[in-house]
Amino acid sequence: MLSRIRILPACLLLCCAALVVPAQNPAPPAPSGQAAASSAQPPAPEYTDVCEANATTVDFDTCYADQFKLTDQDLNHIYRNALLAFEADIGDAHKRHDDSQLSYDATAIAALRAAQAAWFKYRDLQCRAAGQQLQGGSIQPIVVHKCLILVTRHRIDDIRAAYEIGGRSLE
């Protein structure tokens, strides 16, 4: 009975996993006779799970670890660009001798760094907790990596929502 209780959350996580990785390959064009039928299909989701999509040919542990590395690189890129945007604002404020703007931007950088440090602690604790229920099981690393991917994607969205304002792009 206990083994069923431990396996059930793992099955639910795999079966009902959030879509976590940007789609890599667009769908191939429909044959000429099927063009009308394909236009009635809903648009593809923003994220697809490339590991699940290639389930017959991938090692899930390695695939999710690799996908997390890519997602983490995306986060680092967005975070670094947010910091660079504030540093550019500081440079402009220096040129204008705008002490108020200098103070504002310095505070914004410190707040973003503090938020990122706290977020890292949250992410690690959250995903460790998600994997804890499967301690010792072969599915534990998969659950942890899928959690890391999902939480990191949410952080990317949060940074964009907070700092891509006034026409600023963090790409």
Protein backbone atom coordinates (compact mmCIF):
# COMPACT_ATOMS: atom_id res chain seq x y z
CA MET A 1 0.00 0.00 0.00
CA LEU A 2 2.80 2.42 0.91
CA SER A 3 4.50 1.91 -2.45
CA ARG A 4 1.25 2.81 -4.23
CA ILE A 5 1.02 6.01 -2.22
CA ARG A 6 4.57 6.98 -3.26
CA ILE A 7 4.06 6.08 -6.91
CA LEU A 8 0.76 7.92 -7.34
CA PRO A 9 2.23 11.44 -6.96
CA ALA A 10 4.98 10.53 -9.41
CA CYS A 11 2.47 9.31 -11.98
CA LEU A 12 0.36 12.42 -11.52
CA LEU A 13 3.38 14.64 -11.95
CA LEU A 14 4.42 12.93 -15.16
CA CYS A 15 0.93 12.69 -16.60
CA CYS A 16 -0.22 16.17 -15.68
CA ALA A 17 3.09 18.03 -15.91
CA ALA A 18 3.06 21.69 -16.79
CA LEU A 19 4.40 22.62 -20.18
CA VAL A 20 7.84 23.89 -19.37
CA VAL A 21 10.19 24.23 -22.33
CA PRO A 22 9.84 26.58 -25.29
CA ALA A 23 8.83 24.75 -28.44
CA GLN A 24 11.94 23.96 -30.44
CA ASN A 25 10.50 22.78 -33.75
CA PRO A 26 7.41 24.14 -35.46
CA ALA A 27 4.90 21.62 -36.78
CA PRO A 28 5.57 20.53 -40.37
CA PRO A 29 3.31 22.04 -43.02
CA ALA A 30 0.13 20.09 -43.75
CA PRO A 31 -0.18 18.30 -47.09
CA SER A 32 -1.94 20.44 -49.68
CA GLY A 33 -5.27 18.61 -49.33
CA GLN A 34 -5.39 19.14 -45.55
CA ALA A 35 -4.85 22.90 -45.39
CA ALA A 36 -8.47 23.70 -44.48
CA ALA A 37 -8.59 21.11 -41.69
CA SER A 38 -5.36 22.31 -40.06
CA SER A 39 -6.50 25.93 -39.92
CA ALA A 40 -9.31 24.96 -37.54
CA GLN A 41 -6.84 23.58 -34.97
CA PRO A 42 -6.10 25.70 -31.90
CA PRO A 43 -2.68 27.39 -31.78
CA ALA A 44 0.21 25.42 -30.33
CA PRO A 45 0.92 26.01 -26.63
CA GLU A 46 3.71 28.41 -25.76
CA TYR A 47 5.73 25.67 -24.03
CA THR A 48 6.03 22.00 -24.85
CA ASP A 49 7.83 19.29 -22.94
CA VAL A 50 10.53 18.10 -25.35
CA CYS A 51 11.46 15.22 -23.06
CA GLU A 52 7.90 13.86 -23.07
CA ALA A 53 7.56 14.55 -26.80
CA ASN A 54 10.58 12.34 -27.45
CA ALA A 55 9.81 9.79 -24.73
CA THR A 56 10.79 6.78 -26.80
CA THR A 57 14.28 8.08 -27.61
CA VAL A 58 15.44 10.02 -24.54
CA ASP A 59 16.76 9.23 -21.09
CA PHE A 60 14.44 11.29 -18.90
CA ASP A 61 17.01 11.97 -16.16
CA THR A 62 19.49 13.40 -18.66
CA CYS A 63 16.85 15.17 -20.76
CA TYR A 64 15.30 17.07 -17.84
CA ALA A 65 18.73 17.92 -16.43
CA ASP A 66 19.72 19.33 -19.84
CA GLN A 67 16.44 21.22 -20.17
CA PHE A 68 16.98 22.75 -16.73
CA LYS A 69 20.45 23.93 -17.77
CA LEU A 70 18.96 25.66 -20.81
CA THR A 71 16.19 27.25 -18.75
CA ASP A 72 18.72 28.40 -16.16
CA GLN A 73 20.78 29.99 -18.95
CA ASP A 74 17.64 31.83 -20.12
CA LEU A 75 17.07 33.12 -16.59
CA ASN A 76 20.68 34.26 -16.24
CA HIS A 77 20.41 36.10 -19.57
CA ILE A 78 17.21 37.93 -18.59
CA TYR A 79 18.49 38.73 -15.08
CA ARG A 80 21.83 40.02 -16.40
CA ASN A 81 20.02 42.22 -18.94
CA ALA A 82 17.81 43.68 -16.21
CA LEU A 83 20.92 44.61 -14.22
CA LEU A 84 22.57 46.05 -17.34
CA ALA A 85 19.48 48.17 -18.02
CA PHE A 86 19.72 49.70 -14.54
CA GLU A 87 23.45 50.23 -14.94
CA ALA A 88 22.79 52.05 -18.24
CA ASP A 89 20.23 54.20 -16.42
CA ILE A 90 22.88 55.00 -13.78
CA GLY A 91 25.30 56.01 -16.53
CA ASP A 92 22.67 58.34 -18.00
CA ALA A 93 21.89 59.76 -14.56
CA HIS A 94 25.60 60.49 -14.01
CA LYS A 95 25.73 62.41 -17.28
CA ARG A 96 22.69 64.47 -16.25
CA HIS A 97 23.93 64.88 -12.65
CA ASP A 98 20.58 63.49 -11.50
CA ASP A 99 21.24 62.37 -7.91
CA SER A 100 17.63 61.34 -7.42
CA GLN A 101 17.78 58.96 -10.39
CA LEU A 102 21.17 57.64 -9.24
CA SER A 103 19.71 56.80 -5.83
CA TYR A 104 16.61 55.23 -7.37
CA ASP A 105 18.58 53.01 -9.75
CA ALA A 106 21.14 51.96 -7.11
CA THR A 107 18.26 50.95 -4.83
CA ALA A 108 16.55 49.10 -7.69
CA ILE A 109 19.72 47.10 -8.42
CA ALA A 110 20.15 46.19 -4.75
CA ALA A 111 16.50 45.16 -4.51
CA LEU A 112 16.69 43.01 -7.65
CA ARG A 113 19.84 41.28 -6.39
CA ALA A 114 18.25 40.63 -2.99
CA ALA A 115 15.07 39.32 -4.61
CA GLN A 116 17.10 37.00 -6.85
CA ALA A 117 19.08 35.63 -3.91
CA ALA A 118 15.86 34.98 -1.96
CA TRP A 119 14.28 33.42 -5.03
CA PHE A 120 17.19 30.97 -5.42
CA LYS A 121 16.64 29.81 -1.84
CA TYR A 122 12.90 29.44 -2.49
CA ARG A 123 13.46 27.52 -5.72
CA ASP A 124 15.87 25.08 -4.16
CA LEU A 125 13.67 24.47 -1.11
CA GLN A 126 10.50 24.12 -3.20
CA CYS A 127 11.99 21.60 -5.60
CA ARG A 128 13.76 19.67 -2.86
CA ALA A 129 10.39 19.37 -1.13
CA ALA A 130 8.76 18.19 -4.36
CA GLY A 131 11.37 15.46 -4.72
CA GLN A 132 11.36 14.50 -1.04
CA GLN A 133 8.12 12.56 -1.37
CA LEU A 134 9.96 10.24 -3.77
CA GLN A 135 13.19 9.97 -1.78
CA GLY A 136 15.27 7.07 -3.03
CA GLY A 137 13.05 6.43 -6.03
CA SER A 138 14.32 6.49 -9.58
CA ILE A 139 11.80 9.16 -10.52
CA GLN A 140 13.00 11.64 -7.87
CA PRO A 141 15.59 13.40 -10.10
CA ILE A 142 13.00 13.79 -12.85
CA VAL A 143 10.48 15.37 -10.46
CA VAL A 144 13.14 17.71 -9.05
CA HIS A 145 14.35 18.80 -12.50
CA LYS A 146 10.81 19.34 -13.79
CA CYS A 147 10.13 21.48 -10.72
CA LEU A 148 13.33 23.46 -11.30
CA ILE A 149 12.33 24.06 -14.92
CA LEU A 150 8.82 25.17 -14.05
CA VAL A 151 9.81 27.46 -11.18
CA THR A 152 12.62 28.98 -13.26
CA ARG A 153 10.25 29.65 -16.18
CA HIS A 154 7.93 31.42 -13.75
CA ARG A 155 10.84 33.54 -12.48
CA ILE A 156 11.71 34.53 -16.05
CA ASP A 157 8.10 35.61 -16.58
CA ASP A 158 8.15 37.54 -13.27
CA ILE A 159 11.33 39.44 -14.18
CA ARG A 160 9.96 40.30 -17.60
CA ALA A 161 6.67 41.51 -16.13
CA ALA A 162 8.45 43.70 -13.58
CA TYR A 163 11.28 45.12 -15.70
CA GLU A 164 10.16 45.13 -19.32
CA ILE A 165 8.32 48.41 -18.90
CA GLY A 166 8.32 51.62 -20.86
CA GLY A 167 9.39 49.84 -24.03
CA ARG A 168 12.41 48.20 -22.38
CA SER A 169 13.28 44.73 -23.68
CA LEU A 170 15.45 42.32 -21.73
CA GLU A 171 16.30 40.14 -24.72
